[in-house]
Amino acid sequence: MLCDNCKERDAIINLTQVEHDSKVTLHLCEQCAQQKGVETGGAVLKTPLGGFLTALGKGGGAGAGGALVPAPNDGQRCPSCGSTLRDFRDSGRLGCDHCYVAFDAHLRDLLRRLHGSSQHVGKHYEMPGAVGSDSDPRSHLLDLKAQLRRAVEGENFELAAELRDRIRVLE
């Protein structure tokens, strides 16, 4: 297939643009893609996340399992943009917002392995004087204990030590 832009070279990049409810696919050669500002495979792998995921995929991953981004079901596709888990593993980028839903289980597993949890357990912003901010110390203490349990289960011992100290202060 020839490039949709120059009509001279073979198209090697399929660029899918979604605007509102319409989807437009362009087939571009590498030169035309670079002119349009699209990062090609070589450029994407030079990004920190792309390099990190590539290194993990080569056996630098978590234990005997190997890669952190799962290899099975590489052919699973996002119903909206058509990207696969292999695309994510190779580039470190998802194709669209629907990919988060399509690859939910794999992304949660990746987050769990990288961070020890697939849910955010860090600090969050509360408006000064907001209802519920430190109004019930018992519920805050129970919340901290639950976070401590999750941190220990996820083997995040630095966070567990910090939570343990905060619990001691409150008790």
C-alpha atoms as a PDB file:
ATOM      1  CA  MET A   1       0.000   0.000   0.000  1.00  0.00           C
ATOM      2  CA  LEU A   2       1.352   3.428  -0.923  1.00  0.00           C
ATOM      3  CA  CYS A   3       1.594   6.389   1.428  1.00  0.00           C
ATOM      4  CA  ASP A   4      -1.604   8.470   1.472  1.00  0.00           C
ATOM      5  CA  ASN A   5       0.455  11.659   1.681  1.00  0.00           C
ATOM      6  CA  CYS A   6       3.272  11.384  -0.896  1.00  0.00           C
ATOM      7  CA  LYS A   7       1.911   8.439  -2.941  1.00  0.00           C
ATOM      8  CA  GLU A   8       5.529   7.369  -3.625  1.00  0.00           C
ATOM      9  CA  ARG A   9       6.797   5.127  -0.811  1.00  0.00           C
ATOM     10  CA  ASP A  10       5.264   2.103   0.906  1.00  0.00           C
ATOM     11  CA  ALA A  11       3.091   2.955   3.894  1.00  0.00           C
ATOM     12  CA  ILE A  12       4.439   1.375   7.073  1.00  0.00           C
ATOM     13  CA  ILE A  13       2.561   3.443   9.658  1.00  0.00           C
ATOM     14  CA  ASN A  14      -1.190   3.396  10.166  1.00  0.00           C
ATOM     15  CA  LEU A  15      -2.269   6.563  11.935  1.00  0.00           C
ATOM     16  CA  THR A  16      -5.796   6.454  13.312  1.00  0.00           C
ATOM     17  CA  GLN A  17      -7.250   9.771  14.413  1.00  0.00           C
ATOM     18  CA  VAL A  18     -10.480   9.848  16.378  1.00  0.00           C
ATOM     19  CA  GLU A  19     -12.312  13.158  16.442  1.00  0.00           C
ATOM     20  CA  HIS A  20     -15.733  13.346  18.041  1.00  0.00           C
ATOM     21  CA  ASP A  21     -17.466  10.223  16.695  1.00  0.00           C
ATOM     22  CA  SER A  22     -15.558   9.776  13.433  1.00  0.00           C
ATOM     23  CA  LYS A  23     -12.418   7.737  12.894  1.00  0.00           C
ATOM     24  CA  VAL A  24      -9.952   8.567  10.085  1.00  0.00           C
ATOM     25  CA  THR A  25      -7.057   6.245   9.234  1.00  0.00           C
ATOM     26  CA  LEU A  26      -4.011   7.486   7.323  1.00  0.00           C
ATOM     27  CA  HIS A  27      -1.419   5.129   5.849  1.00  0.00           C
ATOM     28  CA  LEU A  28       1.944   6.905   5.896  1.00  0.00           C
ATOM     29  CA  CYS A  29       5.548   6.190   5.019  1.00  0.00           C
ATOM     30  CA  GLU A  30       8.151   6.860   7.709  1.00  0.00           C
ATOM     31  CA  GLN A  31       9.274  10.197   6.232  1.00  0.00           C
ATOM     32  CA  CYS A  32       5.730  11.602   5.925  1.00  0.00           C
ATOM     33  CA  ALA A  33       4.903  10.390   9.437  1.00  0.00           C
ATOM     34  CA  GLN A  34       7.915  12.256  10.830  1.00  0.00           C
ATOM     35  CA  GLN A  35       6.881  15.395   8.924  1.00  0.00           C
ATOM     36  CA  LYS A  36       3.437  15.186  10.520  1.00  0.00           C
ATOM     37  CA  GLY A  37       5.027  14.846  13.968  1.00  0.00           C
ATOM     38  CA  VAL A  38       4.213  11.170  14.455  1.00  0.00           C
ATOM     39  CA  GLU A  39       6.866   9.331  16.421  1.00  0.00           C
ATOM     40  CA  THR A  40       8.005   6.231  14.569  1.00  0.00           C
ATOM     41  CA  GLY A  41       8.972   2.955  16.238  1.00  0.00           C
ATOM     42  CA  GLY A  42      12.616   3.922  16.688  1.00  0.00           C
ATOM     43  CA  ALA A  43      11.739   7.268  18.244  1.00  0.00           C
ATOM     44  CA  VAL A  44       9.176   5.754  20.607  1.00  0.00           C
ATOM     45  CA  LEU A  45      11.674   3.232  21.949  1.00  0.00           C
ATOM     46  CA  LYS A  46      13.979   6.124  22.825  1.00  0.00           C
ATOM     47  CA  THR A  47      11.424   7.475  25.307  1.00  0.00           C
ATOM     48  CA  PRO A  48      12.139   6.573  28.936  1.00  0.00           C
ATOM     49  CA  LEU A  49       8.986   4.481  29.334  1.00  0.00           C
ATOM     50  CA  GLY A  50       9.495   2.669  26.021  1.00  0.00           C
ATOM     51  CA  GLY A  51      13.072   1.798  26.973  1.00  0.00           C
ATOM     52  CA  PHE A  52      12.014   0.727  30.450  1.00  0.00           C
ATOM     53  CA  LEU A  53       9.297  -1.599  29.169  1.00  0.00           C
ATOM     54  CA  THR A  54      11.606  -2.981  26.489  1.00  0.00           C
ATOM     55  CA  ALA A  55      14.221  -3.777  29.142  1.00  0.00           C
ATOM     56  CA  LEU A  56      11.583  -5.466  31.304  1.00  0.00           C
ATOM     57  CA  GLY A  57      10.416  -7.532  28.362  1.00  0.00           C
ATOM     58  CA  LYS A  58      13.946  -8.874  27.854  1.00  0.00           C
ATOM     59  CA  GLY A  59      13.960 -10.702  31.177  1.00  0.00           C
ATOM     60  CA  GLY A  60      14.714  -7.913  33.619  1.00  0.00           C
ATOM     61  CA  GLY A  61      11.273  -8.315  35.112  1.00  0.00           C
ATOM     62  CA  ALA A  62       9.852  -9.545  38.370  1.00  0.00           C
ATOM     63  CA  GLY A  63      11.225 -12.925  39.325  1.00  0.00           C
ATOM     64  CA  ALA A  64      10.720 -16.139  37.429  1.00  0.00           C
ATOM     65  CA  GLY A  65       7.800 -14.713  35.472  1.00  0.00           C
ATOM     66  CA  GLY A  66      10.079 -12.655  33.231  1.00  0.00           C
ATOM     67  CA  ALA A  67       8.466  -9.630  31.653  1.00  0.00           C
ATOM     68  CA  LEU A  68       6.244  -7.348  33.692  1.00  0.00           C
ATOM     69  CA  VAL A  69       3.961  -6.625  30.734  1.00  0.00           C
ATOM     70  CA  PRO A  70       2.321  -9.963  29.995  1.00  0.00           C
ATOM     71  CA  ALA A  71       3.138 -11.784  26.780  1.00  0.00           C
ATOM     72  CA  PRO A  72       0.003 -13.951  26.590  1.00  0.00           C
ATOM     73  CA  ASN A  73      -2.941 -12.522  24.695  1.00  0.00           C
ATOM     74  CA  ASP A  74      -0.659 -10.189  22.715  1.00  0.00           C
ATOM     75  CA  GLY A  75      -3.226 -10.481  19.953  1.00  0.00           C
ATOM     76  CA  GLN A  76      -5.993  -9.014  22.116  1.00  0.00           C
ATOM     77  CA  ARG A  77      -7.080  -5.776  20.437  1.00  0.00           C
ATOM     78  CA  CYS A  78      -8.695  -2.579  21.613  1.00  0.00           C
ATOM     79  CA  PRO A  79     -12.115  -2.435  19.921  1.00  0.00           C
ATOM     80  CA  SER A  80     -11.777   1.293  19.296  1.00  0.00           C
ATOM     81  CA  CYS A  81      -8.256   1.891  17.933  1.00  0.00           C
ATOM     82  CA  GLY A  82      -7.063  -1.662  17.226  1.00  0.00           C
ATOM     83  CA  SER A  83      -3.842  -1.476  19.248  1.00  0.00           C
ATOM     84  CA  THR A  84      -2.631  -4.614  21.020  1.00  0.00           C
ATOM     85  CA  LEU A  85      -0.796  -5.465  24.232  1.00  0.00           C
ATOM     86  CA  ARG A  86       2.275  -6.088  22.087  1.00  0.00           C
ATOM     87  CA  ASP A  87       2.033  -2.491  20.839  1.00  0.00           C
ATOM     88  CA  PHE A  88       1.924  -1.278  24.447  1.00  0.00           C
ATOM     89  CA  ARG A  89       4.832  -3.497  25.449  1.00  0.00           C
ATOM     90  CA  ASP A  90       6.907  -2.294  22.495  1.00  0.00           C
ATOM     91  CA  SER A  91       6.168   1.424  22.774  1.00  0.00           C
ATOM     92  CA  GLY A  92       5.073   1.998  26.356  1.00  0.00           C
ATOM     93  CA  ARG A  93       1.994   3.837  25.088  1.00  0.00           C
ATOM     94  CA  LEU A  94      -1.660   2.961  24.784  1.00  0.00           C
ATOM     95  CA  GLY A  95      -3.507   3.810  21.595  1.00  0.00           C
ATOM     96  CA  CYS A  96      -6.574   5.579  23.019  1.00  0.00           C
ATOM     97  CA  ASP A  97      -8.632   6.060  26.152  1.00  0.00           C
ATOM     98  CA  HIS A  98     -10.598   2.858  25.432  1.00  0.00           C
ATOM     99  CA  CYS A  99      -7.373   0.819  25.756  1.00  0.00           C
ATOM    100  CA  TYR A 100      -7.510   1.346  29.529  1.00  0.00           C
ATOM    101  CA  VAL A 101     -10.806  -0.557  29.592  1.00  0.00           C
ATOM    102  CA  ALA A 102      -9.803  -3.184  27.011  1.00  0.00           C
ATOM    103  CA  PHE A 103      -6.541  -4.045  28.793  1.00  0.00           C
ATOM    104  CA  ASP A 104      -7.772  -3.346  32.344  1.00  0.00           C
ATOM    105  CA  ALA A 105      -6.746  -6.681  33.867  1.00  0.00           C
ATOM    106  CA  HIS A 106      -3.251  -6.562  32.364  1.00  0.00           C
ATOM    107  CA  LEU A 107      -2.693  -2.938  33.390  1.00  0.00           C
ATOM    108  CA  ARG A 108      -3.836  -3.635  36.956  1.00  0.00           C
ATOM    109  CA  ASP A 109      -1.442  -6.584  37.133  1.00  0.00           C
ATOM    110  CA  LEU A 110       1.397  -4.394  35.828  1.00  0.00           C
ATOM    111  CA  LEU A 111       0.645  -1.685  38.408  1.00  0.00           C
ATOM    112  CA  ARG A 112       0.435  -4.257  41.174  1.00  0.00           C
ATOM    113  CA  ARG A 113       3.839  -5.655  40.244  1.00  0.00           C
ATOM    114  CA  LEU A 114       5.485  -2.245  39.860  1.00  0.00           C
ATOM    115  CA  HIS A 115       3.944  -0.430  42.832  1.00  0.00           C
ATOM    116  CA  GLY A 116       2.792  -3.197  45.120  1.00  0.00           C
ATOM    117  CA  SER A 117      -0.845  -2.210  44.667  1.00  0.00           C
ATOM    118  CA  SER A 118      -3.224  -1.464  41.833  1.00  0.00           C
ATOM    119  CA  GLN A 119      -4.959   1.212  43.896  1.00  0.00           C
ATOM    120  CA  HIS A 120      -3.575   4.581  44.918  1.00  0.00           C
ATOM    121  CA  VAL A 121      -2.675   4.543  48.613  1.00  0.00           C
ATOM    122  CA  GLY A 122      -0.683   7.767  48.809  1.00  0.00           C
ATOM    123  CA  LYS A 123      -1.595  11.214  49.940  1.00  0.00           C
ATOM    124  CA  HIS A 124      -4.496  13.091  48.435  1.00  0.00           C
ATOM    125  CA  TYR A 125      -5.592  16.691  48.567  1.00  0.00           C
ATOM    126  CA  GLU A 126      -8.377  17.752  50.891  1.00  0.00           C
ATOM    127  CA  MET A 127      -9.797  21.240  50.995  1.00  0.00           C
ATOM    128  CA  PRO A 128      -9.063  23.000  54.299  1.00  0.00           C
ATOM    129  CA  GLY A 129     -12.131  22.773  56.500  1.00  0.00           C
ATOM    130  CA  ALA A 130     -13.719  20.136  54.279  1.00  0.00           C
ATOM    131  CA  VAL A 131     -16.266  17.804  55.843  1.00  0.00           C
ATOM    132  CA  GLY A 132     -14.628  14.581  56.960  1.00  0.00           C
ATOM    133  CA  SER A 133     -11.056  15.891  57.086  1.00  0.00           C
ATOM    134  CA  ASP A 134      -9.788  14.563  60.434  1.00  0.00           C
ATOM    135  CA  SER A 135     -13.307  14.835  61.894  1.00  0.00           C
ATOM    136  CA  ASP A 136     -13.347  11.154  62.843  1.00  0.00           C
ATOM    137  CA  PRO A 137      -9.934   9.971  64.069  1.00  0.00           C
ATOM    138  CA  ARG A 138     -11.163   6.374  64.441  1.00  0.00           C
ATOM    139  CA  SER A 139     -12.054   6.074  60.749  1.00  0.00           C
ATOM    140  CA  HIS A 140      -8.719   7.684  59.835  1.00  0.00           C
ATOM    141  CA  LEU A 141      -6.919   5.149  62.035  1.00  0.00           C
ATOM    142  CA  LEU A 142      -8.836   2.255  60.450  1.00  0.00           C
ATOM    143  CA  ASP A 143      -7.966   3.610  57.008  1.00  0.00           C
ATOM    144  CA  LEU A 144      -4.275   3.780  57.924  1.00  0.00           C
ATOM    145  CA  LYS A 145      -4.369   0.211  59.235  1.00  0.00           C
ATOM    146  CA  ALA A 146      -5.954  -0.985  55.992  1.00  0.00           C
ATOM    147  CA  GLN A 147      -3.260   0.830  54.013  1.00  0.00           C
ATOM    148  CA  LEU A 148      -0.603  -0.762  56.234  1.00  0.00           C
ATOM    149  CA  ARG A 149      -2.039  -4.232  55.585  1.00  0.00           C
ATOM    150  CA  ARG A 150      -2.037  -3.625  51.813  1.00  0.00           C
ATOM    151  CA  ALA A 151       1.518  -2.274  51.927  1.00  0.00           C
ATOM    152  CA  VAL A 152       2.757  -5.349  53.798  1.00  0.00           C
ATOM    153  CA  GLU A 153       0.899  -7.701  51.424  1.00  0.00           C
ATOM    154  CA  GLY A 154       2.454  -5.855  48.480  1.00  0.00           C
ATOM    155  CA  GLU A 155       5.880  -6.019  50.176  1.00  0.00           C
ATOM    156  CA  ASN A 156       6.184  -2.217  50.121  1.00  0.00           C
ATOM    157  CA  PHE A 157       8.042  -2.091  53.413  1.00  0.00           C
ATOM    158  CA  GLU A 158       9.117   1.552  53.256  1.00  0.00           C
ATOM    159  CA  LEU A 159       5.495   2.676  53.019  1.00  0.00           C
ATOM    160  CA  ALA A 160       4.556   0.128  55.702  1.00  0.00           C
ATOM    161  CA  ALA A 161       7.126   1.587  58.107  1.00  0.00           C
ATOM    162  CA  GLU A 162       5.842   5.120  57.482  1.00  0.00           C
ATOM    163  CA  LEU A 163       2.236   4.007  58.031  1.00  0.00           C
ATOM    164  CA  ARG A 164       3.211   2.103  61.200  1.00  0.00           C
ATOM    165  CA  ASP A 165       4.779   5.265  62.623  1.00  0.00           C
ATOM    166  CA  ARG A 166       1.719   7.369  61.757  1.00  0.00           C
ATOM    167  CA  ILE A 167      -0.546   4.785  63.430  1.00  0.00           C
ATOM    168  CA  ARG A 168       1.586   4.854  66.594  1.00  0.00           C
ATOM    169  CA  VAL A 169       1.268   8.642  66.769  1.00  0.00           C
ATOM    170  CA  LEU A 170      -2.515   8.465  66.447  1.00  0.00           C
ATOM    171  CA  GLU A 171      -2.909   5.642  69.000  1.00  0.00           C
END
